[in-house]
PDB file of N, CA and C in Angstrom:
ATOM      1  N   MET A   1      -4.636  -3.879  -8.891  1.00  0.00           N
ATOM      2  CA  MET A   1      -3.270  -3.448  -8.699  1.00  0.00           C
ATOM      3  C   MET A   1      -2.923  -3.360  -7.225  1.00  0.00           C
ATOM      4  N   ALA A   2      -3.879  -2.894  -6.443  1.00  0.00           N
ATOM      5  CA  ALA A   2      -3.592  -2.634  -5.035  1.00  0.00           C
ATOM      6  C   ALA A   2      -3.534  -3.907  -4.203  1.00  0.00           C
ATOM      7  N   ILE A   3      -4.055  -4.993  -4.731  1.00  0.00           N
ATOM      8  CA  ILE A   3      -4.096  -6.203  -3.935  1.00  0.00           C
ATOM      9  C   ILE A   3      -2.746  -6.908  -4.012  1.00  0.00           C
ATOM     10  N   LEU A   4      -2.028  -6.872  -2.894  1.00  0.00           N
ATOM     11  CA  LEU A   4      -0.748  -7.566  -2.774  1.00  0.00           C
ATOM     12  C   LEU A   4      -0.832  -8.476  -1.561  1.00  0.00           C
ATOM     13  N   LYS A   5      -0.482  -9.705  -1.753  1.00  0.00           N
ATOM     14  CA  LYS A   5      -0.468 -10.639  -0.625  1.00  0.00           C
ATOM     15  C   LYS A   5       0.817 -10.439   0.171  1.00  0.00           C
ATOM     16  N   ALA A   6       0.768 -10.822   1.430  1.00  0.00           N
ATOM     17  CA  ALA A   6       1.937 -10.677   2.294  1.00  0.00           C
ATOM     18  C   ALA A   6       3.113 -11.464   1.742  1.00  0.00           C
ATOM     19  N   SER A   7       2.849 -12.620   1.163  1.00  0.00           N
ATOM     20  CA  SER A   7       3.944 -13.426   0.616  1.00  0.00           C
ATOM     21  C   SER A   7       4.620 -12.719  -0.556  1.00  0.00           C
ATOM     22  N   ASP A   8       3.832 -11.995  -1.366  1.00  0.00           N
ATOM     23  CA  ASP A   8       4.415 -11.237  -2.476  1.00  0.00           C
ATOM     24  C   ASP A   8       5.276 -10.092  -1.955  1.00  0.00           C
ATOM     25  N   ILE A   9       4.803  -9.439  -0.899  1.00  0.00           N
ATOM     26  CA  ILE A   9       5.543  -8.311  -0.336  1.00  0.00           C
ATOM     27  C   ILE A   9       6.842  -8.795   0.299  1.00  0.00           C
ATOM     28  N   ARG A  10       6.804  -9.942   0.959  1.00  0.00           N
ATOM     29  CA  ARG A  10       8.003 -10.472   1.613  1.00  0.00           C
ATOM     30  C   ARG A  10       9.115 -10.790   0.614  1.00  0.00           C
ATOM     31  N   GLU A  11       8.754 -11.073  -0.628  1.00  0.00           N
ATOM     32  CA  GLU A  11       9.753 -11.370  -1.654  1.00  0.00           C
ATOM     33  C   GLU A  11      10.458 -10.109  -2.149  1.00  0.00           C
ATOM     34  N   MET A  12       9.870  -8.947  -1.901  1.00  0.00           N
ATOM     35  CA  MET A  12      10.460  -7.681  -2.353  1.00  0.00           C
ATOM     36  C   MET A  12      11.591  -7.258  -1.415  1.00  0.00           C
ATOM     37  N   ASN A  13      12.511  -6.452  -1.951  1.00  0.00           N
ATOM     38  CA  ASN A  13      13.505  -5.838  -1.075  1.00  0.00           C
ATOM     39  C   ASN A  13      12.978  -4.471  -0.636  1.00  0.00           C
ATOM     40  N   ILE A  14      13.708  -3.807   0.236  1.00  0.00           N
ATOM     41  CA  ILE A  14      13.231  -2.558   0.836  1.00  0.00           C
ATOM     42  C   ILE A  14      12.997  -1.477  -0.226  1.00  0.00           C
ATOM     43  N   SER A  15      13.872  -1.372  -1.203  1.00  0.00           N
ATOM     44  CA  SER A  15      13.703  -0.333  -2.221  1.00  0.00           C
ATOM     45  C   SER A  15      12.451  -0.572  -3.071  1.00  0.00           C
ATOM     46  N   GLU A  16      12.176  -1.835  -3.388  1.00  0.00           N
ATOM     47  CA  GLU A  16      10.961  -2.150  -4.136  1.00  0.00           C
ATOM     48  C   GLU A  16       9.722  -1.826  -3.311  1.00  0.00           C
ATOM     49  N   MET A  17       9.789  -2.083  -2.003  1.00  0.00           N
ATOM     50  CA  MET A  17       8.665  -1.758  -1.126  1.00  0.00           C
ATOM     51  C   MET A  17       8.425  -0.256  -1.084  1.00  0.00           C
ATOM     52  N   ASN A  18       9.511   0.517  -1.035  1.00  0.00           N
ATOM     53  CA  ASN A  18       9.367   1.975  -1.018  1.00  0.00           C
ATOM     54  C   ASN A  18       8.738   2.486  -2.312  1.00  0.00           C
ATOM     55  N   GLU A  19       9.127   1.901  -3.447  1.00  0.00           N
ATOM     56  CA  GLU A  19       8.526   2.278  -4.722  1.00  0.00           C
ATOM     57  C   GLU A  19       7.039   1.960  -4.743  1.00  0.00           C
ATOM     58  N   LYS A  20       6.684   0.785  -4.262  1.00  0.00           N
ATOM     59  CA  LYS A  20       5.287   0.370  -4.235  1.00  0.00           C
ATOM     60  C   LYS A  20       4.482   1.259  -3.288  1.00  0.00           C
ATOM     61  N   LEU A  21       5.090   1.652  -2.148  1.00  0.00           N
ATOM     62  CA  LEU A  21       4.419   2.558  -1.212  1.00  0.00           C
ATOM     63  C   LEU A  21       4.110   3.893  -1.873  1.00  0.00           C
ATOM     64  N   ALA A  22       5.069   4.446  -2.580  1.00  0.00           N
ATOM     65  CA  ALA A  22       4.859   5.725  -3.253  1.00  0.00           C
ATOM     66  C   ALA A  22       3.730   5.617  -4.273  1.00  0.00           C
ATOM     67  N   GLU A  23       3.720   4.523  -5.016  1.00  0.00           N
ATOM     68  CA  GLU A  23       2.694   4.296  -6.021  1.00  0.00           C
ATOM     69  C   GLU A  23       1.306   4.174  -5.369  1.00  0.00           C
ATOM     70  N   LEU A  24       1.227   3.421  -4.281  1.00  0.00           N
ATOM     71  CA  LEU A  24      -0.053   3.226  -3.600  1.00  0.00           C
ATOM     72  C   LEU A  24      -0.545   4.517  -2.955  1.00  0.00           C
ATOM     73  N   LYS A  25       0.370   5.294  -2.377  1.00  0.00           N
ATOM     74  CA  LYS A  25      -0.022   6.560  -1.756  1.00  0.00           C
ATOM     75  C   LYS A  25      -0.564   7.528  -2.804  1.00  0.00           C
ATOM     76  N   LYS A  26       0.056   7.533  -3.987  1.00  0.00           N
ATOM     77  CA  LYS A  26      -0.420   8.397  -5.066  1.00  0.00           C
ATOM     78  C   LYS A  26      -1.825   7.967  -5.505  1.00  0.00           C
ATOM     79  N   GLU A  27      -2.030   6.667  -5.609  1.00  0.00           N
ATOM     80  CA  GLU A  27      -3.338   6.155  -6.003  1.00  0.00           C
ATOM     81  C   GLU A  27      -4.393   6.463  -4.934  1.00  0.00           C
ATOM     82  N   LEU A  28      -4.019   6.339  -3.663  1.00  0.00           N
ATOM     83  CA  LEU A  28      -4.937   6.642  -2.568  1.00  0.00           C
ATOM     84  C   LEU A  28      -5.314   8.122  -2.584  1.00  0.00           C
ATOM     85  N   MET A  29      -4.334   8.973  -2.841  1.00  0.00           N
ATOM     86  CA  MET A  29      -4.605  10.407  -2.901  1.00  0.00           C
ATOM     87  C   MET A  29      -5.585  10.719  -4.033  1.00  0.00           C
ATOM     88  N   LYS A  30      -5.402  10.055  -5.165  1.00  0.00           N
ATOM     89  CA  LYS A  30      -6.285  10.268  -6.303  1.00  0.00           C
ATOM     90  C   LYS A  30      -7.708   9.813  -5.980  1.00  0.00           C
ATOM     91  N   GLU A  31      -7.838   8.663  -5.339  1.00  0.00           N
ATOM     92  CA  GLU A  31      -9.162   8.150  -4.973  1.00  0.00           C
ATOM     93  C   GLU A  31      -9.837   9.055  -3.943  1.00  0.00           C
ATOM     94  N   ASN A  32      -9.069   9.539  -2.964  1.00  0.00           N
ATOM     95  CA  ASN A  32      -9.643  10.429  -1.951  1.00  0.00           C
ATOM     96  C   ASN A  32     -10.065  11.762  -2.566  1.00  0.00           C
ATOM     97  N   ALA A  33      -9.301  12.264  -3.514  1.00  0.00           N
ATOM     98  CA  ALA A  33      -9.671  13.511  -4.190  1.00  0.00           C
ATOM     99  C   ALA A  33     -10.956  13.321  -4.980  1.00  0.00           C
ATOM    100  N   ASN A  34     -11.076  12.188  -5.626  1.00  0.00           N
ATOM    101  CA  ASN A  34     -12.289  11.883  -6.380  1.00  0.00           C
ATOM    102  C   ASN A  34     -13.488  11.822  -5.440  1.00  0.00           C
ATOM    103  N   LYS A  35     -13.309  11.215  -4.296  1.00  0.00           N
ATOM    104  CA  LYS A  35     -14.373  11.108  -3.312  1.00  0.00           C
ATOM    105  C   LYS A  35     -14.738  12.480  -2.750  1.00  0.00           C
ATOM    106  N   ALA A  36     -13.726  13.325  -2.503  1.00  0.00           N
ATOM    107  CA  ALA A  36     -13.949  14.640  -1.913  1.00  0.00           C
ATOM    108  C   ALA A  36     -14.690  15.581  -2.863  1.00  0.00           C
ATOM    109  N   THR A  37     -14.493  15.401  -4.148  1.00  0.00           N
ATOM    110  CA  THR A  37     -15.166  16.267  -5.116  1.00  0.00           C
ATOM    111  C   THR A  37     -16.581  15.807  -5.404  1.00  0.00           C
ATOM    112  N   GLY A  38     -17.005  14.760  -4.754  1.00  0.00           N
ATOM    113  CA  GLY A  38     -18.375  14.288  -4.930  1.00  0.00           C
ATOM    114  C   GLY A  38     -18.524  13.243  -6.005  1.00  0.00           C
ATOM    115  N   GLY A  39     -17.437  12.810  -6.573  1.00  0.00           N
ATOM    116  CA  GLY A  39     -17.492  11.771  -7.595  1.00  0.00           C
ATOM    117  C   GLY A  39     -17.771  10.424  -6.971  1.00  0.00           C
ATOM    118  N   SER A  40     -18.363   9.552  -7.744  1.00  0.00           N
ATOM    119  CA  SER A  40     -18.616   8.219  -7.223  1.00  0.00           C
ATOM    120  C   SER A  40     -17.408   7.338  -7.523  1.00  0.00           C
ATOM    121  N   PRO A  41     -16.987   6.544  -6.547  1.00  0.00           N
ATOM    122  CA  PRO A  41     -15.815   5.689  -6.765  1.00  0.00           C
ATOM    123  C   PRO A  41     -16.127   4.580  -7.764  1.00  0.00           C
ATOM    124  N   SER A  42     -15.127   4.247  -8.560  1.00  0.00           N
ATOM    125  CA  SER A  42     -15.318   3.176  -9.539  1.00  0.00           C
ATOM    126  C   SER A  42     -15.459   1.832  -8.834  1.00  0.00           C
ATOM    127  N   ASN A  43     -14.760   1.700  -7.712  1.00  0.00           N
ATOM    128  CA  ASN A  43     -14.827   0.481  -6.918  1.00  0.00           C
ATOM    129  C   ASN A  43     -14.870   0.914  -5.449  1.00  0.00           C
ATOM    130  N   PRO A  44     -16.005   0.769  -4.786  1.00  0.00           N
ATOM    131  CA  PRO A  44     -16.146   1.291  -3.421  1.00  0.00           C
ATOM    132  C   PRO A  44     -15.167   0.709  -2.406  1.00  0.00           C
ATOM    133  N   GLY A  45     -14.719  -0.494  -2.584  1.00  0.00           N
ATOM    134  CA  GLY A  45     -13.807  -1.114  -1.634  1.00  0.00           C
ATOM    135  C   GLY A  45     -12.347  -0.834  -1.918  1.00  0.00           C
ATOM    136  N   LYS A  46     -12.065  -0.080  -2.948  1.00  0.00           N
ATOM    137  CA  LYS A  46     -10.686   0.139  -3.375  1.00  0.00           C
ATOM    138  C   LYS A  46      -9.892   0.951  -2.358  1.00  0.00           C
ATOM    139  N   ILE A  47     -10.494   1.978  -1.783  1.00  0.00           N
ATOM    140  CA  ILE A  47      -9.787   2.820  -0.819  1.00  0.00           C
ATOM    141  C   ILE A  47      -9.371   1.997   0.387  1.00  0.00           C
ATOM    142  N   LYS A  48     -10.277   1.192   0.878  1.00  0.00           N
ATOM    143  CA  LYS A  48      -9.978   0.356   2.041  1.00  0.00           C
ATOM    144  C   LYS A  48      -8.865  -0.636   1.723  1.00  0.00           C
ATOM    145  N   GLU A  49      -8.903  -1.221   0.548  1.00  0.00           N
ATOM    146  CA  GLU A  49      -7.883  -2.194   0.167  1.00  0.00           C
ATOM    147  C   GLU A  49      -6.522  -1.539   0.003  1.00  0.00           C
ATOM    148  N   ILE A  50      -6.487  -0.335  -0.531  1.00  0.00           N
ATOM    149  CA  ILE A  50      -5.219   0.379  -0.677  1.00  0.00           C
ATOM    150  C   ILE A  50      -4.628   0.669   0.696  1.00  0.00           C
ATOM    151  N   LYS A  51      -5.469   1.132   1.629  1.00  0.00           N
ATOM    152  CA  LYS A  51      -5.001   1.416   2.982  1.00  0.00           C
ATOM    153  C   LYS A  51      -4.458   0.163   3.652  1.00  0.00           C
ATOM    154  N   ARG A  52      -5.133  -0.945   3.479  1.00  0.00           N
ATOM    155  CA  ARG A  52      -4.668  -2.205   4.068  1.00  0.00           C
ATOM    156  C   ARG A  52      -3.341  -2.641   3.480  1.00  0.00           C
ATOM    157  N   THR A  53      -3.180  -2.470   2.174  1.00  0.00           N
ATOM    158  CA  THR A  53      -1.942  -2.862   1.518  1.00  0.00           C
ATOM    159  C   THR A  53      -0.786  -1.989   1.990  1.00  0.00           C
ATOM    160  N   ILE A  54      -1.026  -0.688   2.161  1.00  0.00           N
ATOM    161  CA  ILE A  54       0.008   0.206   2.678  1.00  0.00           C
ATOM    162  C   ILE A  54       0.427  -0.234   4.076  1.00  0.00           C
ATOM    163  N   ALA A  55      -0.544  -0.540   4.918  1.00  0.00           N
ATOM    164  CA  ALA A  55      -0.240  -0.993   6.280  1.00  0.00           C
ATOM    165  C   ALA A  55       0.528  -2.308   6.255  1.00  0.00           C
ATOM    166  N   ARG A  56       0.159  -3.197   5.345  1.00  0.00           N
ATOM    167  CA  ARG A  56       0.832  -4.486   5.218  1.00  0.00           C
ATOM    168  C   ARG A  56       2.302  -4.285   4.846  1.00  0.00           C
ATOM    169  N   ILE A  57       2.559  -3.362   3.928  1.00  0.00           N
ATOM    170  CA  ILE A  57       3.939  -3.103   3.510  1.00  0.00           C
ATOM    171  C   ILE A  57       4.745  -2.528   4.669  1.00  0.00           C
ATOM    172  N   TYR A  58       4.172  -1.549   5.393  1.00  0.00           N
ATOM    173  CA  TYR A  58       4.872  -0.984   6.551  1.00  0.00           C
ATOM    174  C   TYR A  58       5.188  -2.048   7.593  1.00  0.00           C
ATOM    175  N   THR A  59       4.252  -2.939   7.842  1.00  0.00           N
ATOM    176  CA  THR A  59       4.455  -3.998   8.832  1.00  0.00           C
ATOM    177  C   THR A  59       5.614  -4.901   8.432  1.00  0.00           C
ATOM    178  N   ILE A  60       5.643  -5.316   7.193  1.00  0.00           N
ATOM    179  CA  ILE A  60       6.693  -6.223   6.730  1.00  0.00           C
ATOM    180  C   ILE A  60       8.042  -5.504   6.691  1.00  0.00           C
ATOM    181  N   MET A  61       8.039  -4.213   6.351  1.00  0.00           N
ATOM    182  CA  MET A  61       9.290  -3.447   6.379  1.00  0.00           C
ATOM    183  C   MET A  61       9.853  -3.404   7.799  1.00  0.00           C
ATOM    184  N   ASN A  62       8.984  -3.182   8.779  1.00  0.00           N
ATOM    185  CA  ASN A  62       9.435  -3.154  10.168  1.00  0.00           C
ATOM    186  C   ASN A  62       9.942  -4.517  10.614  1.00  0.00           C
ATOM    187  N   GLU A  63       9.312  -5.584  10.164  1.00  0.00           N
ATOM    188  CA  GLU A  63       9.790  -6.929  10.489  1.00  0.00           C
ATOM    189  C   GLU A  63      11.190  -7.142   9.935  1.00  0.00           C
ATOM    190  N   LYS A  64      11.409  -6.740   8.679  1.00  0.00           N
ATOM    191  CA  LYS A  64      12.726  -6.929   8.054  1.00  0.00           C
ATOM    192  C   LYS A  64      13.792  -6.099   8.750  1.00  0.00           C
ATOM    193  N   LYS A  65      13.432  -4.871   9.173  1.00  0.00           N
ATOM    194  CA  LYS A  65      14.390  -4.027   9.898  1.00  0.00           C
ATOM    195  C   LYS A  65      14.727  -4.647  11.246  1.00  0.00           C
ATOM    196  N   GLY A  66      13.741  -5.255  11.885  1.00  0.00           N
ATOM    197  CA  GLY A  66      13.975  -5.915  13.171  1.00  0.00           C
ATOM    198  C   GLY A  66      14.884  -7.111  13.031  1.00  0.00           C
ATOM    199  N   GLU A  67      14.725  -7.855  11.935  1.00  0.00           N
ATOM    200  CA  GLU A  67      15.586  -9.019  11.703  1.00  0.00           C
ATOM    201  C   GLU A  67      17.027  -8.561  11.438  1.00  0.00           C
ATOM    202  N   ALA A  68      17.184  -7.453  10.757  1.00  0.00           N
ATOM    203  CA  ALA A  68      18.528  -6.972  10.443  1.00  0.00           C
ATOM    204  C   ALA A  68      19.257  -6.496  11.684  1.00  0.00           C
ATOM    205  N   GLU A  69      18.523  -5.936  12.638  1.00  0.00           N
ATOM    206  CA  GLU A  69      19.147  -5.453  13.878  1.00  0.00           C
ATOM    207  C   GLU A  69      19.503  -6.596  14.804  1.00  0.00           C
ATOM    208  N   ALA A  70      18.726  -7.656  14.779  1.00  0.00           N
ATOM    209  CA  ALA A  70      18.953  -8.767  15.718  1.00  0.00           C
ATOM    210  C   ALA A  70      20.056  -9.681  15.261  1.00  0.00           C
TER     211      ALA A  70
END
């Protein structure tokens, strides 16, 4: 679920990106809570991938805002 390519994100509008960000942040919080309680992650690379996807969405949102201002 967390794996989104940049091309997929670029096709979204800003509101869809915000929805996806909220969803990813909730999932990241759940994974971090699981890790903090001593539970073993179901997929060890999932936290890193979620963080990368969140950063990717923020980057593309900033690009779109820059294009709108110019």
